[in-house]
Amino acid sequence: MKAVVLAGGYATRLWPITRNRPKMLLPVGEQTVIDRILAELDADERIDEVFVSTNERFAETFDEHLADSPFEKPQLSVEETVDEGQKLGVIGALSQLVDREGLDEDDLLVVAGDNLISFDIAEFLDFFEQQGTTSLAAYDVGSRERAKQYGLVELDGTEVVDFEEKPAEPSSTLVSIACYAFPAADVRFGEYLEDDNSPDEPGWFIQWLQKRRCVRAFTFEEAWFDIGTPESYLDAVAWALGGDSVVAADATVENSTIGENVHVMGGARVTDSTLERSLVFPGTTIEDSDLRDSIVDRETLVCGLSLSGALVGAHSQLP
């Protein structure tokens, strides 16, 4: 079985934090988002190759990251885009990757590299093997308004009997997350695109496939975070830290209060300040300030300010 980890987005909703870095490499606790996934794929003997699908803009960053990682299976597969306006769409990129890497004869696991999921991917693959058909992971988001952003799943037991991508009026709150397993016979992205269907969200492909093949759903109840906004990123960090805080060994904290769900990274310096549910990236200095629900990027100075819900770009000086 082959695996594709989707890492081609530009994460504009997280700018300036992700203007020059892929969001999949943002830290969540002691690991990056994507490393949590790669570690599981590397350990599963059913997966013999892992392709990290990214764009030309971030290819070098991912190449360096993978070279420094302990993982043996991942390799880059690069789509020819450099900005948001050139995006191929997820299905467009997958179709090109399958052709480029010759994956049309293998079962295929596809998972988003910005997903923080609480279940083990091995459990999902166990389910896929037991069912013997295309499988997706489904989660109850608990809000019809939030369900409008995803693919709505209607089940009879484990079988998907209806699937609607981005419904205007959701009838429930059970949605598909970006974790799919396809038998080789269902890796039909090219056929789907030849019918002039949307190349964008993978849910459109699932909606098309579900009308032609049996699709089953693996449901889970613990936690799932789609890291696309500052709020969801901070929520994911808070879940991973569980109320604790992380201060790097080479960071300096003096005369300061470090509250819950705070991550102070290497070389940062925090003095005479209070931090709650915030991230301070490497080399940053926080002096005489109050930070809540904020993200301060690397090599930045924040002095004498009270910030709430702030995104501060790298190499800034405030005030």
C-alpha atoms as a PDB file:
ATOM      1  CA  MET A   1       0.000   0.000   0.000  1.00  0.00           C
ATOM      2  CA  LYS A   2       1.152   3.537  -0.789  1.00  0.00           C
ATOM      3  CA  ALA A   3       0.394   6.662   1.225  1.00  0.00           C
ATOM      4  CA  VAL A   4       0.061  10.277   0.149  1.00  0.00           C
ATOM      5  CA  VAL A   5       0.310  13.066   2.705  1.00  0.00           C
ATOM      6  CA  LEU A   6      -1.246  16.249   1.341  1.00  0.00           C
ATOM      7  CA  ALA A   7       1.005  19.245   2.035  1.00  0.00           C
ATOM      8  CA  GLY A   8       0.469  21.564  -0.912  1.00  0.00           C
ATOM      9  CA  GLY A   9      -1.607  24.362   0.617  1.00  0.00           C
ATOM     10  CA  TYR A  10      -0.487  27.957   1.166  1.00  0.00           C
ATOM     11  CA  ALA A  11      -2.456  28.526   4.425  1.00  0.00           C
ATOM     12  CA  THR A  12      -3.324  32.159   3.715  1.00  0.00           C
ATOM     13  CA  ARG A  13      -5.686  32.301   6.718  1.00  0.00           C
ATOM     14  CA  LEU A  14      -2.662  31.811   8.983  1.00  0.00           C
ATOM     15  CA  TRP A  15      -0.548  34.564   7.430  1.00  0.00           C
ATOM     16  CA  PRO A  16       1.858  36.079   8.407  1.00  0.00           C
ATOM     17  CA  ILE A  17       2.848  32.978  10.427  1.00  0.00           C
ATOM     18  CA  THR A  18       2.648  30.745   7.340  1.00  0.00           C
ATOM     19  CA  ARG A  19       3.674  33.267   4.704  1.00  0.00           C
ATOM     20  CA  ASN A  20       7.116  31.684   4.437  1.00  0.00           C
ATOM     21  CA  ARG A  21       6.562  28.259   6.038  1.00  0.00           C
ATOM     22  CA  PRO A  22       4.112  25.425   5.378  1.00  0.00           C
ATOM     23  CA  LYS A  23       1.531  25.064   8.139  1.00  0.00           C
ATOM     24  CA  MET A  24       2.271  21.332   8.268  1.00  0.00           C
ATOM     25  CA  LEU A  25       5.605  22.235   9.901  1.00  0.00           C
ATOM     26  CA  LEU A  26       4.032  24.300  12.675  1.00  0.00           C
ATOM     27  CA  PRO A  27       4.796  22.849  16.109  1.00  0.00           C
ATOM     28  CA  VAL A  28       2.045  21.163  18.092  1.00  0.00           C
ATOM     29  CA  GLY A  29       3.650  20.344  21.411  1.00  0.00           C
ATOM     30  CA  GLU A  30       7.013  18.685  20.880  1.00  0.00           C
ATOM     31  CA  GLN A  31       6.263  17.610  17.271  1.00  0.00           C
ATOM     32  CA  THR A  32       5.227  19.291  14.059  1.00  0.00           C
ATOM     33  CA  VAL A  33       1.770  18.602  12.677  1.00  0.00           C
ATOM     34  CA  ILE A  34       3.007  16.454   9.794  1.00  0.00           C
ATOM     35  CA  ASP A  35       5.557  14.529  11.866  1.00  0.00           C
ATOM     36  CA  ARG A  36       2.743  13.053  13.954  1.00  0.00           C
ATOM     37  CA  ILE A  37       1.366  11.511  10.751  1.00  0.00           C
ATOM     38  CA  LEU A  38       4.717  10.512   9.256  1.00  0.00           C
ATOM     39  CA  ALA A  39       5.712   8.696  12.455  1.00  0.00           C
ATOM     40  CA  GLU A  40       2.621   6.483  12.234  1.00  0.00           C
ATOM     41  CA  LEU A  41       3.084   5.772   8.534  1.00  0.00           C
ATOM     42  CA  ASP A  42       6.759   4.969   9.022  1.00  0.00           C
ATOM     43  CA  ALA A  43       5.882   2.418  11.710  1.00  0.00           C
ATOM     44  CA  ASP A  44       3.115   0.622   9.754  1.00  0.00           C
ATOM     45  CA  GLU A  45       4.484  -2.295   7.747  1.00  0.00           C
ATOM     46  CA  ARG A  46       1.510  -2.207   5.386  1.00  0.00           C
ATOM     47  CA  ILE A  47       2.762   1.115   3.991  1.00  0.00           C
ATOM     48  CA  ASP A  48       5.820   0.631   1.796  1.00  0.00           C
ATOM     49  CA  GLU A  49       6.122   4.159   0.358  1.00  0.00           C
ATOM     50  CA  VAL A  50       5.012   7.581   1.580  1.00  0.00           C
ATOM     51  CA  PHE A  51       4.728  10.533  -0.795  1.00  0.00           C
ATOM     52  CA  VAL A  52       4.591  14.044   0.668  1.00  0.00           C
ATOM     53  CA  SER A  53       2.701  16.049  -1.942  1.00  0.00           C
ATOM     54  CA  THR A  54       3.747  19.694  -1.893  1.00  0.00           C
ATOM     55  CA  ASN A  55       4.318  22.659  -4.189  1.00  0.00           C
ATOM     56  CA  GLU A  56       7.468  24.164  -5.684  1.00  0.00           C
ATOM     57  CA  ARG A  57       7.458  27.051  -3.223  1.00  0.00           C
ATOM     58  CA  PHE A  58       7.831  24.807  -0.172  1.00  0.00           C
ATOM     59  CA  ALA A  59       9.658  21.867  -1.768  1.00  0.00           C
ATOM     60  CA  GLU A  60      13.089  22.878  -0.465  1.00  0.00           C
ATOM     61  CA  THR A  61      11.728  23.423   3.059  1.00  0.00           C
ATOM     62  CA  PHE A  62      10.157  19.964   3.117  1.00  0.00           C
ATOM     63  CA  ASP A  63      13.256  18.409   1.582  1.00  0.00           C
ATOM     64  CA  GLU A  64      15.413  19.817   4.379  1.00  0.00           C
ATOM     65  CA  HIS A  65      12.892  18.799   7.021  1.00  0.00           C
ATOM     66  CA  LEU A  66      12.688  15.214   5.805  1.00  0.00           C
ATOM     67  CA  ALA A  67      16.475  14.969   5.496  1.00  0.00           C
ATOM     68  CA  ASP A  68      16.790  15.919   9.178  1.00  0.00           C
ATOM     69  CA  SER A  69      13.975  13.622  10.307  1.00  0.00           C
ATOM     70  CA  PRO A  70      14.294  10.006  11.517  1.00  0.00           C
ATOM     71  CA  PHE A  71      11.733   8.758   8.989  1.00  0.00           C
ATOM     72  CA  GLU A  72      12.774   6.345   6.260  1.00  0.00           C
ATOM     73  CA  LYS A  73       9.729   6.096   3.994  1.00  0.00           C
ATOM     74  CA  PRO A  74       8.730   9.678   3.079  1.00  0.00           C
ATOM     75  CA  GLN A  75       9.780  11.192  -0.234  1.00  0.00           C
ATOM     76  CA  LEU A  76       8.697  14.411  -1.909  1.00  0.00           C
ATOM     77  CA  SER A  77       6.408  14.603  -4.902  1.00  0.00           C
ATOM     78  CA  VAL A  78       6.231  18.189  -6.162  1.00  0.00           C
ATOM     79  CA  GLU A  79       3.416  19.839  -8.097  1.00  0.00           C
ATOM     80  CA  GLU A  80       4.374  22.704 -10.375  1.00  0.00           C
ATOM     81  CA  THR A  81       2.768  25.604  -8.512  1.00  0.00           C
ATOM     82  CA  VAL A  82       4.303  28.448  -6.531  1.00  0.00           C
ATOM     83  CA  ASP A  83       1.301  30.426  -5.219  1.00  0.00           C
ATOM     84  CA  GLU A  84      -2.401  30.232  -4.374  1.00  0.00           C
ATOM     85  CA  GLY A  85      -3.491  31.380  -7.847  1.00  0.00           C
ATOM     86  CA  GLN A  86      -1.839  28.377  -9.521  1.00  0.00           C
ATOM     87  CA  LYS A  87      -3.274  25.688  -7.241  1.00  0.00           C
ATOM     88  CA  LEU A  88      -4.352  22.499  -9.007  1.00  0.00           C
ATOM     89  CA  GLY A  89      -6.916  21.572  -6.354  1.00  0.00           C
ATOM     90  CA  VAL A  90      -6.517  18.491  -4.165  1.00  0.00           C
ATOM     91  CA  ILE A  91      -7.955  16.061  -6.718  1.00  0.00           C
ATOM     92  CA  GLY A  92      -6.043  17.714  -9.544  1.00  0.00           C
ATOM     93  CA  ALA A  93      -2.807  17.358  -7.574  1.00  0.00           C
ATOM     94  CA  LEU A  94      -3.626  13.748  -6.612  1.00  0.00           C
ATOM     95  CA  SER A  95      -4.353  12.810 -10.213  1.00  0.00           C
ATOM     96  CA  GLN A  96      -1.019  14.237 -11.334  1.00  0.00           C
ATOM     97  CA  LEU A  97       0.804  12.523  -8.466  1.00  0.00           C
ATOM     98  CA  VAL A  98      -0.707   9.115  -9.269  1.00  0.00           C
ATOM     99  CA  ASP A  99       0.429   9.489 -12.888  1.00  0.00           C
ATOM    100  CA  ARG A 100       3.829  10.925 -11.967  1.00  0.00           C
ATOM    101  CA  GLU A 101       4.658   8.228  -9.415  1.00  0.00           C
ATOM    102  CA  GLY A 102       2.869   5.320 -11.124  1.00  0.00           C
ATOM    103  CA  LEU A 103       0.496   4.568  -8.251  1.00  0.00           C
ATOM    104  CA  ASP A 104      -2.552   3.405 -10.217  1.00  0.00           C
ATOM    105  CA  GLU A 105      -2.013  -0.279  -9.349  1.00  0.00           C
ATOM    106  CA  ASP A 106      -1.738   0.105  -5.569  1.00  0.00           C
ATOM    107  CA  ASP A 107      -4.158   0.566  -2.716  1.00  0.00           C
ATOM    108  CA  LEU A 108      -3.810   4.177  -1.615  1.00  0.00           C
ATOM    109  CA  LEU A 109      -4.062   5.974   1.727  1.00  0.00           C
ATOM    110  CA  VAL A 110      -4.580   9.732   1.453  1.00  0.00           C
ATOM    111  CA  VAL A 111      -4.355  11.922   4.553  1.00  0.00           C
ATOM    112  CA  ALA A 112      -4.082  15.679   4.980  1.00  0.00           C
ATOM    113  CA  GLY A 113      -0.796  16.817   6.472  1.00  0.00           C
ATOM    114  CA  ASP A 114      -2.556  19.541   8.470  1.00  0.00           C
ATOM    115  CA  ASN A 115      -4.922  17.113  10.228  1.00  0.00           C
ATOM    116  CA  LEU A 116      -4.429  16.473  13.930  1.00  0.00           C
ATOM    117  CA  ILE A 117      -6.365  13.278  14.613  1.00  0.00           C
ATOM    118  CA  SER A 118      -6.786  11.412  17.873  1.00  0.00           C
ATOM    119  CA  PHE A 119      -7.135   7.902  16.433  1.00  0.00           C
ATOM    120  CA  ASP A 120      -4.242   5.744  15.280  1.00  0.00           C
ATOM    121  CA  ILE A 121      -3.977   5.517  11.503  1.00  0.00           C
ATOM    122  CA  ALA A 122      -3.284   1.798  12.024  1.00  0.00           C
ATOM    123  CA  GLU A 123      -6.840   1.442  13.387  1.00  0.00           C
ATOM    124  CA  PHE A 124      -8.209   3.115  10.285  1.00  0.00           C
ATOM    125  CA  LEU A 125      -6.221   0.767   8.025  1.00  0.00           C
ATOM    126  CA  ASP A 126      -7.479  -2.222  10.030  1.00  0.00           C
ATOM    127  CA  PHE A 127     -11.023  -1.023   9.286  1.00  0.00           C
ATOM    128  CA  PHE A 128     -10.206  -0.584   5.580  1.00  0.00           C
ATOM    129  CA  GLU A 129      -8.808  -4.100   5.340  1.00  0.00           C
ATOM    130  CA  GLN A 130     -11.830  -5.577   7.102  1.00  0.00           C
ATOM    131  CA  GLN A 131     -14.310  -3.754   4.844  1.00  0.00           C
ATOM    132  CA  GLY A 132     -12.414  -4.267   1.598  1.00  0.00           C
ATOM    133  CA  THR A 133     -13.799  -1.089   0.058  1.00  0.00           C
ATOM    134  CA  THR A 134     -13.093   2.653  -0.082  1.00  0.00           C
ATOM    135  CA  SER A 135     -13.148   3.996   3.465  1.00  0.00           C
ATOM    136  CA  LEU A 136     -13.219   7.454   4.985  1.00  0.00           C
ATOM    137  CA  ALA A 137     -12.859   8.760   8.513  1.00  0.00           C
ATOM    138  CA  ALA A 138     -15.921  10.580   9.872  1.00  0.00           C
ATOM    139  CA  TYR A 139     -16.309  12.858  12.882  1.00  0.00           C
ATOM    140  CA  ASP A 140     -19.239  14.609  14.538  1.00  0.00           C
ATOM    141  CA  VAL A 141     -18.326  18.309  14.608  1.00  0.00           C
ATOM    142  CA  GLY A 142     -21.346  19.054  16.822  1.00  0.00           C
ATOM    143  CA  SER A 143     -22.445  22.134  14.851  1.00  0.00           C
ATOM    144  CA  ARG A 144     -24.539  22.397  11.685  1.00  0.00           C
ATOM    145  CA  GLU A 145     -22.889  25.717  10.902  1.00  0.00           C
ATOM    146  CA  ARG A 146     -19.459  24.104  11.049  1.00  0.00           C
ATOM    147  CA  ALA A 147     -20.697  21.106   9.051  1.00  0.00           C
ATOM    148  CA  LYS A 148     -21.320  23.436   6.095  1.00  0.00           C
ATOM    149  CA  GLN A 149     -17.538  23.575   5.558  1.00  0.00           C
ATOM    150  CA  TYR A 150     -17.101  19.819   5.039  1.00  0.00           C
ATOM    151  CA  GLY A 151     -18.582  16.741   3.392  1.00  0.00           C
ATOM    152  CA  LEU A 152     -21.759  15.587   5.130  1.00  0.00           C
ATOM    153  CA  VAL A 153     -21.953  11.825   5.690  1.00  0.00           C
ATOM    154  CA  GLU A 154     -25.172   9.794   6.044  1.00  0.00           C
ATOM    155  CA  LEU A 155     -24.686   6.225   7.233  1.00  0.00           C
ATOM    156  CA  ASP A 156     -26.506   2.917   7.365  1.00  0.00           C
ATOM    157  CA  GLY A 157     -24.302   1.053   9.800  1.00  0.00           C
ATOM    158  CA  THR A 158     -20.854   1.722   8.386  1.00  0.00           C
ATOM    159  CA  GLU A 159     -21.998   2.169   4.771  1.00  0.00           C
ATOM    160  CA  VAL A 160     -22.142   5.692   3.358  1.00  0.00           C
ATOM    161  CA  VAL A 161     -25.613   5.934   1.807  1.00  0.00           C
ATOM    162  CA  ASP A 162     -25.384   9.626   0.997  1.00  0.00           C
ATOM    163  CA  PHE A 163     -22.555  12.143   0.805  1.00  0.00           C
ATOM    164  CA  GLU A 164     -22.938  15.885   0.208  1.00  0.00           C
ATOM    165  CA  GLU A 165     -19.944  18.177  -0.065  1.00  0.00           C
ATOM    166  CA  LYS A 166     -20.356  21.580   1.626  1.00  0.00           C
ATOM    167  CA  PRO A 167     -24.141  21.352   2.158  1.00  0.00           C
ATOM    168  CA  ALA A 168     -26.071  24.631   2.397  1.00  0.00           C
ATOM    169  CA  GLU A 169     -28.459  23.136   4.972  1.00  0.00           C
ATOM    170  CA  PRO A 170     -26.805  20.188   6.772  1.00  0.00           C
ATOM    171  CA  SER A 171     -29.235  17.611   8.103  1.00  0.00           C
ATOM    172  CA  SER A 172     -26.695  16.365  10.670  1.00  0.00           C
ATOM    173  CA  THR A 173     -23.228  17.135  11.988  1.00  0.00           C
ATOM    174  CA  LEU A 174     -21.315  13.989  10.933  1.00  0.00           C
ATOM    175  CA  VAL A 175     -18.653  14.978   8.399  1.00  0.00           C
ATOM    176  CA  SER A 176     -15.829  13.408   6.470  1.00  0.00           C
ATOM    177  CA  ILE A 177     -12.305  14.438   7.431  1.00  0.00           C
ATOM    178  CA  ALA A 178      -9.370  14.311   5.034  1.00  0.00           C
ATOM    179  CA  CYS A 179      -8.368  10.699   5.677  1.00  0.00           C
ATOM    180  CA  TYR A 180      -9.254   8.174   2.961  1.00  0.00           C
ATOM    181  CA  ALA A 181      -8.221   4.671   1.926  1.00  0.00           C
ATOM    182  CA  PHE A 182      -8.872   3.488  -1.636  1.00  0.00           C
ATOM    183  CA  PRO A 183      -8.554   0.034  -3.171  1.00  0.00           C
ATOM    184  CA  ALA A 184      -6.520   0.224  -6.369  1.00  0.00           C
ATOM    185  CA  ALA A 185      -9.711  -0.148  -8.443  1.00  0.00           C
ATOM    186  CA  ASP A 186     -11.121   3.063  -6.912  1.00  0.00           C
ATOM    187  CA  VAL A 187      -8.095   5.253  -7.609  1.00  0.00           C
ATOM    188  CA  ARG A 188     -10.056   6.935 -10.404  1.00  0.00           C
ATOM    189  CA  PHE A 189      -9.045  10.584 -10.119  1.00  0.00           C
ATOM    190  CA  GLY A 190      -8.269  10.898 -13.830  1.00  0.00           C
ATOM    191  CA  GLU A 191     -11.646   9.448 -14.842  1.00  0.00           C
ATOM    192  CA  TYR A 192     -13.397  11.802 -12.426  1.00  0.00           C
ATOM    193  CA  LEU A 193     -11.607  14.849 -13.859  1.00  0.00           C
ATOM    194  CA  GLU A 194     -12.317  13.796 -17.451  1.00  0.00           C
ATOM    195  CA  ASP A 195     -16.020  14.312 -16.667  1.00  0.00           C
ATOM    196  CA  ASP A 196     -15.296  18.019 -15.939  1.00  0.00           C
ATOM    197  CA  ASN A 197     -15.833  17.599 -12.210  1.00  0.00           C
ATOM    198  CA  SER A 198     -14.328  19.950  -9.626  1.00  0.00           C
ATOM    199  CA  PRO A 199     -10.576  19.397  -9.061  1.00  0.00           C
ATOM    200  CA  ASP A 200     -10.738  21.056  -5.655  1.00  0.00           C
ATOM    201  CA  GLU A 201     -11.861  19.403  -2.429  1.00  0.00           C
ATOM    202  CA  PRO A 202     -11.556  15.593  -2.137  1.00  0.00           C
ATOM    203  CA  GLY A 203     -15.158  15.461  -0.905  1.00  0.00           C
ATOM    204  CA  TRP A 204     -16.384  16.144  -4.427  1.00  0.00           C
ATOM    205  CA  PHE A 205     -14.585  12.997  -5.575  1.00  0.00           C
ATOM    206  CA  ILE A 206     -16.069  10.980  -2.701  1.00  0.00           C
ATOM    207  CA  GLN A 207     -19.547  12.270  -3.590  1.00  0.00           C
ATOM    208  CA  TRP A 208     -18.978  11.106  -7.186  1.00  0.00           C
ATOM    209  CA  LEU A 209     -17.472   7.759  -6.156  1.00  0.00           C
ATOM    210  CA  GLN A 210     -20.177   6.974  -3.589  1.00  0.00           C
ATOM    211  CA  LYS A 211     -22.776   6.918  -6.373  1.00  0.00           C
ATOM    212  CA  ARG A 212     -20.741   4.260  -8.193  1.00  0.00           C
ATOM    213  CA  ARG A 213     -19.057   2.146  -5.505  1.00  0.00           C
ATOM    214  CA  CYS A 214     -19.591   1.090  -1.913  1.00  0.00           C
ATOM    215  CA  VAL A 215     -17.952   3.539   0.514  1.00  0.00           C
ATOM    216  CA  ARG A 216     -17.735   2.901   4.259  1.00  0.00           C
ATOM    217  CA  ALA A 217     -17.010   5.180   7.196  1.00  0.00           C
ATOM    218  CA  PHE A 218     -14.716   4.744  10.184  1.00  0.00           C
ATOM    219  CA  THR A 219     -16.185   6.924  12.925  1.00  0.00           C
ATOM    220  CA  PHE A 220     -14.329   8.194  15.972  1.00  0.00           C
ATOM    221  CA  GLU A 221     -15.264  10.379  18.926  1.00  0.00           C
ATOM    222  CA  GLU A 222     -12.137  11.752  20.574  1.00  0.00           C
ATOM    223  CA  ALA A 223     -10.642  14.802  18.857  1.00  0.00           C
ATOM    224  CA  TRP A 224      -9.905  16.199  15.421  1.00  0.00           C
ATOM    225  CA  PHE A 225      -8.445  19.523  14.391  1.00  0.00           C
ATOM    226  CA  ASP A 226      -8.347  20.895  10.862  1.00  0.00           C
ATOM    227  CA  ILE A 227      -5.496  23.352  11.275  1.00  0.00           C
ATOM    228  CA  GLY A 228      -6.497  26.134   8.919  1.00  0.00           C
ATOM    229  CA  THR A 229      -7.071  29.155  11.134  1.00  0.00           C
ATOM    230  CA  PRO A 230      -5.273  30.697  14.121  1.00  0.00           C
ATOM    231  CA  GLU A 231      -8.136  29.577  16.368  1.00  0.00           C
ATOM    232  CA  SER A 232      -8.009  25.944  15.221  1.00  0.00           C
ATOM    233  CA  TYR A 233      -4.210  25.909  15.508  1.00  0.00           C
ATOM    234  CA  LEU A 234      -4.341  27.190  19.092  1.00  0.00           C
ATOM    235  CA  ASP A 235      -7.098  24.674  19.855  1.00  0.00           C
ATOM    236  CA  ALA A 236      -4.894  21.866  18.516  1.00  0.00           C
ATOM    237  CA  VAL A 237      -1.932  23.030  20.606  1.00  0.00           C
ATOM    238  CA  ALA A 238      -4.139  23.260  23.702  1.00  0.00           C
ATOM    239  CA  TRP A 239      -5.405  19.709  23.124  1.00  0.00           C
ATOM    240  CA  ALA A 240      -1.873  18.380  22.641  1.00  0.00           C
ATOM    241  CA  LEU A 241      -0.547  20.156  25.747  1.00  0.00           C
ATOM    242  CA  GLY A 242      -3.602  19.285  27.840  1.00  0.00           C
ATOM    243  CA  GLY A 243      -3.240  22.353  30.039  1.00  0.00           C
ATOM    244  CA  ASP A 244       0.509  22.003  30.477  1.00  0.00           C
ATOM    245  CA  SER A 245       3.108  24.337  29.012  1.00  0.00           C
ATOM    246  CA  VAL A 246       6.411  23.738  27.253  1.00  0.00           C
ATOM    247  CA  VAL A 247       9.472  25.931  27.737  1.00  0.00           C
ATOM    248  CA  ALA A 248      12.534  24.955  25.708  1.00  0.00           C
ATOM    249  CA  ALA A 249      15.687  24.164  27.662  1.00  0.00           C
ATOM    250  CA  ASP A 250      17.558  27.050  26.061  1.00  0.00           C
ATOM    251  CA  ALA A 251      14.718  29.579  26.482  1.00  0.00           C
ATOM    252  CA  THR A 252      14.837  32.162  29.274  1.00  0.00           C
ATOM    253  CA  VAL A 253      11.844  32.993  31.487  1.00  0.00           C
ATOM    254  CA  GLU A 254      12.325  35.577  34.248  1.00  0.00           C
ATOM    255  CA  ASN A 255       9.803  37.245  36.579  1.00  0.00           C
ATOM    256  CA  SER A 256       6.981  35.974  34.402  1.00  0.00           C
ATOM    257  CA  THR A 257       3.797  33.942  34.693  1.00  0.00           C
ATOM    258  CA  ILE A 258       3.452  31.105  32.203  1.00  0.00           C
ATOM    259  CA  GLY A 259      -0.163  29.937  32.186  1.00  0.00           C
ATOM    260  CA  GLU A 260      -1.807  26.969  30.516  1.00  0.00           C
ATOM    261  CA  ASN A 261      -1.146  25.801  26.945  1.00  0.00           C
ATOM    262  CA  VAL A 262       1.894  27.983  26.304  1.00  0.00           C
ATOM    263  CA  HIS A 263       4.869  26.965  24.164  1.00  0.00           C
ATOM    264  CA  VAL A 264       8.060  29.024  24.489  1.00  0.00           C
ATOM    265  CA  MET A 265      10.559  27.774  21.908  1.00  0.00           C
ATOM    266  CA  GLY A 266      14.341  27.635  21.699  1.00  0.00           C
ATOM    267  CA  GLY A 267      16.313  30.806  22.290  1.00  0.00           C
ATOM    268  CA  ALA A 268      13.230  32.851  23.204  1.00  0.00           C
ATOM    269  CA  ARG A 269      13.335  35.227  26.159  1.00  0.00           C
ATOM    270  CA  VAL A 270      10.315  36.145  28.300  1.00  0.00           C
ATOM    271  CA  THR A 271      10.737  38.717  31.085  1.00  0.00           C
ATOM    272  CA  ASP A 272       8.233  40.529  33.333  1.00  0.00           C
ATOM    273  CA  SER A 273       5.338  39.159  31.311  1.00  0.00           C
ATOM    274  CA  THR A 274       2.218  36.983  31.491  1.00  0.00           C
ATOM    275  CA  LEU A 275       1.442  34.370  28.826  1.00  0.00           C
ATOM    276  CA  GLU A 276      -1.756  32.328  28.378  1.00  0.00           C
ATOM    277  CA  ARG A 277      -2.564  29.965  25.490  1.00  0.00           C
ATOM    278  CA  SER A 278       0.122  31.431  23.258  1.00  0.00           C
ATOM    279  CA  LEU A 279       3.147  30.409  21.196  1.00  0.00           C
ATOM    280  CA  VAL A 280       6.480  32.192  21.210  1.00  0.00           C
ATOM    281  CA  PHE A 281       8.737  31.090  18.358  1.00  0.00           C
ATOM    282  CA  PRO A 282      12.550  30.756  18.479  1.00  0.00           C
ATOM    283  CA  GLY A 283      14.683  33.801  19.124  1.00  0.00           C
ATOM    284  CA  THR A 284      11.779  36.045  20.113  1.00  0.00           C
ATOM    285  CA  THR A 285      11.857  38.438  23.085  1.00  0.00           C
ATOM    286  CA  ILE A 286       8.766  39.266  25.130  1.00  0.00           C
ATOM    287  CA  GLU A 287       9.242  42.057  27.704  1.00  0.00           C
ATOM    288  CA  ASP A 288       6.757  43.620  30.108  1.00  0.00           C
ATOM    289  CA  SER A 289       3.823  42.296  28.075  1.00  0.00           C
ATOM    290  CA  ASP A 290       0.603  40.299  28.385  1.00  0.00           C
ATOM    291  CA  LEU A 291      -0.074  37.712  25.658  1.00  0.00           C
ATOM    292  CA  ARG A 292      -3.291  35.716  25.362  1.00  0.00           C
ATOM    293  CA  ASP A 293      -4.420  33.523  22.468  1.00  0.00           C
ATOM    294  CA  SER A 294      -1.533  34.869  20.397  1.00  0.00           C
ATOM    295  CA  ILE A 295       1.208  33.580  18.094  1.00  0.00           C
ATOM    296  CA  VAL A 296       4.493  35.479  17.875  1.00  0.00           C
ATOM    297  CA  ASP A 297       6.857  34.356  15.130  1.00  0.00           C
ATOM    298  CA  ARG A 298      10.629  34.062  15.275  1.00  0.00           C
ATOM    299  CA  GLU A 299      13.201  36.787  16.006  1.00  0.00           C
ATOM    300  CA  THR A 300      10.558  39.291  17.114  1.00  0.00           C
ATOM    301  CA  LEU A 301      10.498  41.863  19.914  1.00  0.00           C
ATOM    302  CA  VAL A 302       7.279  42.586  21.820  1.00  0.00           C
ATOM    303  CA  CYS A 303       7.715  45.166  24.556  1.00  0.00           C
ATOM    304  CA  GLY A 304       5.190  46.877  26.831  1.00  0.00           C
ATOM    305  CA  LEU A 305       2.068  45.577  25.082  1.00  0.00           C
ATOM    306  CA  SER A 306      -1.097  43.647  25.894  1.00  0.00           C
ATOM    307  CA  LEU A 307      -2.030  41.372  22.982  1.00  0.00           C
ATOM    308  CA  SER A 308      -5.044  39.110  22.599  1.00  0.00           C
ATOM    309  CA  GLY A 309      -5.729  37.040  19.489  1.00  0.00           C
ATOM    310  CA  ALA A 310      -2.667  38.490  17.757  1.00  0.00           C
ATOM    311  CA  LEU A 311      -0.583  37.067  14.909  1.00  0.00           C
ATOM    312  CA  VAL A 312       2.835  38.735  14.864  1.00  0.00           C
ATOM    313  CA  GLY A 313       5.063  38.091  11.860  1.00  0.00           C
ATOM    314  CA  ALA A 314       8.731  37.184  11.997  1.00  0.00           C
ATOM    315  CA  HIS A 315      11.390  39.849  12.585  1.00  0.00           C
ATOM    316  CA  SER A 316       8.844  42.394  13.823  1.00  0.00           C
ATOM    317  CA  GLN A 317       9.448  44.988  16.529  1.00  0.00           C
ATOM    318  CA  LEU A 318       6.449  46.015  18.606  1.00  0.00           C
ATOM    319  CA  PRO A 319       6.054  48.781  19.409  1.00  0.00           C
END
